[in-house]
PDB file of N, CA and C in Angstrom:
ATOM      1  N   UNK A   1      -8.650  -3.336  -4.382  1.00  0.00           N
ATOM      2  CA  UNK A   1      -8.111  -4.503  -5.044  1.00  0.00           C
ATOM      3  C   UNK A   1      -9.219  -5.128  -5.895  1.00  0.00           C
ATOM      4  N   UNK A   2      -8.876  -5.449  -7.088  1.00  0.00           N
ATOM      5  CA  UNK A   2      -9.836  -6.043  -8.002  1.00  0.00           C
ATOM      6  C   UNK A   2     -10.071  -7.493  -7.604  1.00  0.00           C
ATOM      7  N   UNK A   3     -11.321  -7.903  -7.653  1.00  0.00           N
ATOM      8  CA  UNK A   3     -11.641  -9.297  -7.305  1.00  0.00           C
ATOM      9  C   UNK A   3     -10.862 -10.268  -8.185  1.00  0.00           C
ATOM     10  N   UNK A   4     -10.393 -11.319  -7.562  1.00  0.00           N
ATOM     11  CA  UNK A   4      -9.696 -12.353  -8.309  1.00  0.00           C
ATOM     12  C   UNK A   4      -8.186 -12.198  -8.342  1.00  0.00           C
ATOM     13  N   UNK A   5      -7.661 -11.071  -7.887  1.00  0.00           N
ATOM     14  CA  UNK A   5      -6.215 -10.855  -7.923  1.00  0.00           C
ATOM     15  C   UNK A   5      -5.523 -11.258  -6.635  1.00  0.00           C
ATOM     16  N   UNK A   6      -6.265 -11.818  -5.693  1.00  0.00           N
ATOM     17  CA  UNK A   6      -5.661 -12.194  -4.419  1.00  0.00           C
ATOM     18  C   UNK A   6      -4.544 -13.218  -4.607  1.00  0.00           C
ATOM     19  N   UNK A   7      -4.721 -14.113  -5.547  1.00  0.00           N
ATOM     20  CA  UNK A   7      -3.715 -15.157  -5.775  1.00  0.00           C
ATOM     21  C   UNK A   7      -2.413 -14.552  -6.301  1.00  0.00           C
ATOM     22  N   UNK A   8      -2.525 -13.552  -7.155  1.00  0.00           N
ATOM     23  CA  UNK A   8      -1.324 -12.884  -7.664  1.00  0.00           C
ATOM     24  C   UNK A   8      -0.596 -12.161  -6.539  1.00  0.00           C
ATOM     25  N   UNK A   9      -1.360 -11.500  -5.677  1.00  0.00           N
ATOM     26  CA  UNK A   9      -0.756 -10.796  -4.547  1.00  0.00           C
ATOM     27  C   UNK A   9      -0.070 -11.780  -3.610  1.00  0.00           C
ATOM     28  N   UNK A  10      -0.743 -12.860  -3.287  1.00  0.00           N
ATOM     29  CA  UNK A  10      -0.164 -13.857  -2.392  1.00  0.00           C
ATOM     30  C   UNK A  10       1.106 -14.462  -2.992  1.00  0.00           C
ATOM     31  N   UNK A  11       1.103 -14.717  -4.279  1.00  0.00           N
ATOM     32  CA  UNK A  11       2.296 -15.258  -4.940  1.00  0.00           C
ATOM     33  C   UNK A  11       3.451 -14.261  -4.857  1.00  0.00           C
ATOM     34  N   UNK A  12       3.158 -12.977  -5.062  1.00  0.00           N
ATOM     35  CA  UNK A  12       4.194 -11.952  -4.969  1.00  0.00           C
ATOM     36  C   UNK A  12       4.741 -11.878  -3.549  1.00  0.00           C
ATOM     37  N   UNK A  13       3.853 -11.892  -2.565  1.00  0.00           N
ATOM     38  CA  UNK A  13       4.281 -11.845  -1.167  1.00  0.00           C
ATOM     39  C   UNK A  13       5.153 -13.043  -0.826  1.00  0.00           C
ATOM     40  N   UNK A  14       4.754 -14.213  -1.285  1.00  0.00           N
ATOM     41  CA  UNK A  14       5.531 -15.427  -1.002  1.00  0.00           C
ATOM     42  C   UNK A  14       6.918 -15.370  -1.626  1.00  0.00           C
ATOM     43  N   UNK A  15       7.014 -14.762  -2.790  1.00  0.00           N
ATOM     44  CA  UNK A  15       8.304 -14.697  -3.478  1.00  0.00           C
ATOM     45  C   UNK A  15       9.206 -13.591  -2.920  1.00  0.00           C
ATOM     46  N   UNK A  16       8.645 -12.422  -2.668  1.00  0.00           N
ATOM     47  CA  UNK A  16       9.458 -11.254  -2.339  1.00  0.00           C
ATOM     48  C   UNK A  16       9.511 -10.882  -0.859  1.00  0.00           C
ATOM     49  N   UNK A  17       8.491 -11.204  -0.111  1.00  0.00           N
ATOM     50  CA  UNK A  17       8.416 -10.705   1.259  1.00  0.00           C
ATOM     51  C   UNK A  17       8.596 -11.789   2.313  1.00  0.00           C
ATOM     52  N   UNK A  18       7.869 -12.870   2.180  1.00  0.00           N
ATOM     53  CA  UNK A  18       7.885 -13.901   3.216  1.00  0.00           C
ATOM     54  C   UNK A  18       9.274 -14.477   3.502  1.00  0.00           C
ATOM     55  N   UNK A  19      10.099 -14.734   2.492  1.00  0.00           N
ATOM     56  CA  UNK A  19      11.408 -15.326   2.799  1.00  0.00           C
ATOM     57  C   UNK A  19      12.323 -14.427   3.636  1.00  0.00           C
ATOM     58  N   UNK A  20      12.134 -13.124   3.573  1.00  0.00           N
ATOM     59  CA  UNK A  20      13.036 -12.213   4.283  1.00  0.00           C
ATOM     60  C   UNK A  20      12.344 -11.451   5.406  1.00  0.00           C
ATOM     61  N   UNK A  21      11.062 -11.658   5.581  1.00  0.00           N
ATOM     62  CA  UNK A  21      10.261 -10.866   6.509  1.00  0.00           C
ATOM     63  C   UNK A  21      10.740 -10.839   7.941  1.00  0.00           C
ATOM     64  N   UNK A  22      11.256 -11.928   8.445  1.00  0.00           N
ATOM     65  CA  UNK A  22      11.680 -11.977   9.852  1.00  0.00           C
ATOM     66  C   UNK A  22      13.121 -11.540  10.063  1.00  0.00           C
ATOM     67  N   UNK A  23      13.826 -11.300   8.982  1.00  0.00           N
ATOM     68  CA  UNK A  23      15.245 -10.969   9.105  1.00  0.00           C
ATOM     69  C   UNK A  23      15.521  -9.487   9.301  1.00  0.00           C
ATOM     70  N   UNK A  24      14.519  -8.632   9.094  1.00  0.00           N
ATOM     71  CA  UNK A  24      14.751  -7.192   9.212  1.00  0.00           C
ATOM     72  C   UNK A  24      13.529  -6.485   9.762  1.00  0.00           C
ATOM     73  N   UNK A  25      13.747  -5.277  10.264  1.00  0.00           N
ATOM     74  CA  UNK A  25      12.623  -4.514  10.789  1.00  0.00           C
ATOM     75  C   UNK A  25      11.780  -3.967   9.634  1.00  0.00           C
ATOM     76  N   UNK A  26      10.622  -3.420   9.954  1.00  0.00           N
ATOM     77  CA  UNK A  26       9.676  -2.963   8.930  1.00  0.00           C
ATOM     78  C   UNK A  26      10.283  -1.912   8.010  1.00  0.00           C
ATOM     79  N   UNK A  27      11.018  -0.980   8.574  1.00  0.00           N
ATOM     80  CA  UNK A  27      11.601   0.093   7.769  1.00  0.00           C
ATOM     81  C   UNK A  27      12.563  -0.454   6.712  1.00  0.00           C
ATOM     82  N   UNK A  28      13.441  -1.352   7.114  1.00  0.00           N
ATOM     83  CA  UNK A  28      14.399  -1.943   6.176  1.00  0.00           C
ATOM     84  C   UNK A  28      13.699  -2.850   5.168  1.00  0.00           C
ATOM     85  N   UNK A  29      12.692  -3.570   5.627  1.00  0.00           N
ATOM     86  CA  UNK A  29      11.961  -4.481   4.749  1.00  0.00           C
ATOM     87  C   UNK A  29      11.235  -3.720   3.643  1.00  0.00           C
ATOM     88  N   UNK A  30      10.563  -2.637   4.007  1.00  0.00           N
ATOM     89  CA  UNK A  30       9.862  -1.822   3.007  1.00  0.00           C
ATOM     90  C   UNK A  30      10.852  -1.272   1.992  1.00  0.00           C
ATOM     91  N   UNK A  31      11.974  -0.779   2.465  1.00  0.00           N
ATOM     92  CA  UNK A  31      12.996  -0.228   1.566  1.00  0.00           C
ATOM     93  C   UNK A  31      13.514  -1.295   0.605  1.00  0.00           C
ATOM     94  N   UNK A  32      13.752  -2.487   1.103  1.00  0.00           N
ATOM     95  CA  UNK A  32      14.281  -3.558   0.252  1.00  0.00           C
ATOM     96  C   UNK A  32      13.247  -4.022  -0.777  1.00  0.00           C
ATOM     97  N   UNK A  33      12.002  -4.155  -0.358  1.00  0.00           N
ATOM     98  CA  UNK A  33      10.969  -4.696  -1.245  1.00  0.00           C
ATOM     99  C   UNK A  33      10.493  -3.667  -2.264  1.00  0.00           C
ATOM    100  N   UNK A  34      10.341  -2.408  -1.845  1.00  0.00           N
ATOM    101  CA  UNK A  34       9.784  -1.389  -2.741  1.00  0.00           C
ATOM    102  C   UNK A  34      10.834  -0.494  -3.377  1.00  0.00           C
ATOM    103  N   UNK A  35      12.030  -0.464  -2.774  1.00  0.00           N
ATOM    104  CA  UNK A  35      13.057   0.439  -3.266  1.00  0.00           C
ATOM    105  C   UNK A  35      12.910   1.856  -2.740  1.00  0.00           C
ATOM    106  N   UNK A  36      11.908   2.075  -1.887  1.00  0.00           N
ATOM    107  CA  UNK A  36      11.660   3.401  -1.321  1.00  0.00           C
ATOM    108  C   UNK A  36      11.570   3.302   0.193  1.00  0.00           C
ATOM    109  N   UNK A  37      11.921   4.394   0.845  1.00  0.00           N
ATOM    110  CA  UNK A  37      11.829   4.433   2.301  1.00  0.00           C
ATOM    111  C   UNK A  37      10.365   4.430   2.741  1.00  0.00           C
ATOM    112  N   UNK A  38      10.127   3.914   3.922  1.00  0.00           N
ATOM    113  CA  UNK A  38       8.798   3.911   4.510  1.00  0.00           C
ATOM    114  C   UNK A  38       8.325   5.351   4.652  1.00  0.00           C
ATOM    115  N   UNK A  39       7.081   5.608   4.222  1.00  0.00           N
ATOM    116  CA  UNK A  39       6.583   6.976   4.206  1.00  0.00           C
ATOM    117  C   UNK A  39       5.081   7.008   4.457  1.00  0.00           C
ATOM    118  N   UNK A  40       4.638   8.092   5.084  1.00  0.00           N
ATOM    119  CA  UNK A  40       3.199   8.306   5.292  1.00  0.00           C
ATOM    120  C   UNK A  40       2.542   8.877   4.052  1.00  0.00           C
ATOM    121  N   UNK A  41       3.310   9.416   3.136  1.00  0.00           N
ATOM    122  CA  UNK A  41       2.773  10.154   1.998  1.00  0.00           C
ATOM    123  C   UNK A  41       1.742   9.378   1.176  1.00  0.00           C
ATOM    124  N   UNK A  42       1.984   8.140   0.771  1.00  0.00           N
ATOM    125  CA  UNK A  42       0.963   7.436  -0.017  1.00  0.00           C
ATOM    126  C   UNK A  42      -0.372   7.311   0.724  1.00  0.00           C
ATOM    127  N   UNK A  43      -0.314   7.031   2.012  1.00  0.00           N
ATOM    128  CA  UNK A  43      -1.536   6.913   2.808  1.00  0.00           C
ATOM    129  C   UNK A  43      -2.253   8.253   2.899  1.00  0.00           C
ATOM    130  N   UNK A  44      -1.497   9.308   3.173  1.00  0.00           N
ATOM    131  CA  UNK A  44      -2.101  10.636   3.277  1.00  0.00           C
ATOM    132  C   UNK A  44      -2.660  11.101   1.937  1.00  0.00           C
ATOM    133  N   UNK A  45      -1.972  10.788   0.841  1.00  0.00           N
ATOM    134  CA  UNK A  45      -2.484  11.128  -0.491  1.00  0.00           C
ATOM    135  C   UNK A  45      -3.807  10.424  -0.761  1.00  0.00           C
ATOM    136  N   UNK A  46      -3.890   9.166  -0.361  1.00  0.00           N
ATOM    137  CA  UNK A  46      -5.129   8.402  -0.533  1.00  0.00           C
ATOM    138  C   UNK A  46      -6.259   9.032   0.268  1.00  0.00           C
ATOM    139  N   UNK A  47      -5.987   9.374   1.515  1.00  0.00           N
ATOM    140  CA  UNK A  47      -7.009  10.015   2.348  1.00  0.00           C
ATOM    141  C   UNK A  47      -7.445  11.352   1.764  1.00  0.00           C
ATOM    142  N   UNK A  48      -6.501  12.112   1.268  1.00  0.00           N
ATOM    143  CA  UNK A  48      -6.822  13.405   0.670  1.00  0.00           C
ATOM    144  C   UNK A  48      -7.732  13.229  -0.545  1.00  0.00           C
ATOM    145  N   UNK A  49      -7.438  12.228  -1.363  1.00  0.00           N
ATOM    146  CA  UNK A  49      -8.281  11.954  -2.527  1.00  0.00           C
ATOM    147  C   UNK A  49      -9.695  11.577  -2.129  1.00  0.00           C
ATOM    148  N   UNK A  50      -9.823  10.761  -1.105  1.00  0.00           N
ATOM    149  CA  UNK A  50     -11.150  10.366  -0.628  1.00  0.00           C
ATOM    150  C   UNK A  50     -11.899  11.563  -0.058  1.00  0.00           C
ATOM    151  N   UNK A  51     -11.196  12.429   0.655  1.00  0.00           N
ATOM    152  CA  UNK A  51     -11.817  13.620   1.215  1.00  0.00           C
ATOM    153  C   UNK A  51     -12.316  14.541   0.105  1.00  0.00           C
ATOM    154  N   UNK A  52     -11.521  14.703  -0.939  1.00  0.00           N
ATOM    155  CA  UNK A  52     -11.940  15.534  -2.072  1.00  0.00           C
ATOM    156  C   UNK A  52     -13.193  14.967  -2.727  1.00  0.00           C
ATOM    157  N   UNK A  53     -13.263  13.650  -2.860  1.00  0.00           N
ATOM    158  CA  UNK A  53     -14.461  13.025  -3.429  1.00  0.00           C
ATOM    159  C   UNK A  53     -15.681  13.312  -2.571  1.00  0.00           C
ATOM    160  N   UNK A  54     -15.531  13.215  -1.265  1.00  0.00           N
ATOM    161  CA  UNK A  54     -16.641  13.499  -0.359  1.00  0.00           C
ATOM    162  C   UNK A  54     -17.056  14.963  -0.441  1.00  0.00           C
ATOM    163  N   UNK A  55     -16.092  15.849  -0.555  1.00  0.00           N
ATOM    164  CA  UNK A  55     -16.406  17.268  -0.669  1.00  0.00           C
ATOM    165  C   UNK A  55     -17.167  17.551  -1.957  1.00  0.00           C
ATOM    166  N   UNK A  56     -16.783  16.891  -3.047  1.00  0.00           N
ATOM    167  CA  UNK A  56     -17.494  17.052  -4.318  1.00  0.00           C
ATOM    168  C   UNK A  56     -18.932  16.557  -4.197  1.00  0.00           C
ATOM    169  N   UNK A  57     -19.125  15.431  -3.551  1.00  0.00           N
ATOM    170  CA  UNK A  57     -20.479  14.909  -3.349  1.00  0.00           C
ATOM    171  C   UNK A  57     -21.306  15.873  -2.521  1.00  0.00           C
ATOM    172  N   UNK A  58     -20.690  16.457  -1.517  1.00  0.00           N
ATOM    173  CA  UNK A  58     -21.381  17.382  -0.635  1.00  0.00           C
ATOM    174  C   UNK A  58     -21.806  18.637  -1.395  1.00  0.00           C
ATOM    175  N   UNK A  59     -21.004  19.090  -2.344  1.00  0.00           N
ATOM    176  CA  UNK A  59     -21.338  20.280  -3.148  1.00  0.00           C
ATOM    177  C   UNK A  59     -22.521  20.021  -4.066  1.00  0.00           C
ATOM    178  N   UNK A  60     -22.681  18.781  -4.479  1.00  0.00           N
ATOM    179  CA  UNK A  60     -23.768  18.429  -5.399  1.00  0.00           C
ATOM    180  C   UNK A  60     -25.119  18.360  -4.696  1.00  0.00           C
ATOM    181  N   UNK A  61     -25.127  18.279  -3.387  1.00  0.00           N
ATOM    182  CA  UNK A  61     -26.407  18.150  -2.671  1.00  0.00           C
ATOM    183  C   UNK A  61     -26.867  19.463  -2.111  1.00  0.00           C
TER     184      UNK A  61
END
């Protein structure tokens, strides 16, 4: 997250997530807010990217 954008994130959360957060479970909430089903894929893709970066660094040494 870029420094200084916390206020934008908090404003988005207050508008889109906080009003409905207690009315549904996590799976339904994620689907409603993002339009996509809850998935491990984005997290795993991020980890894979970080691992590739580490492997590249390791090859350079």
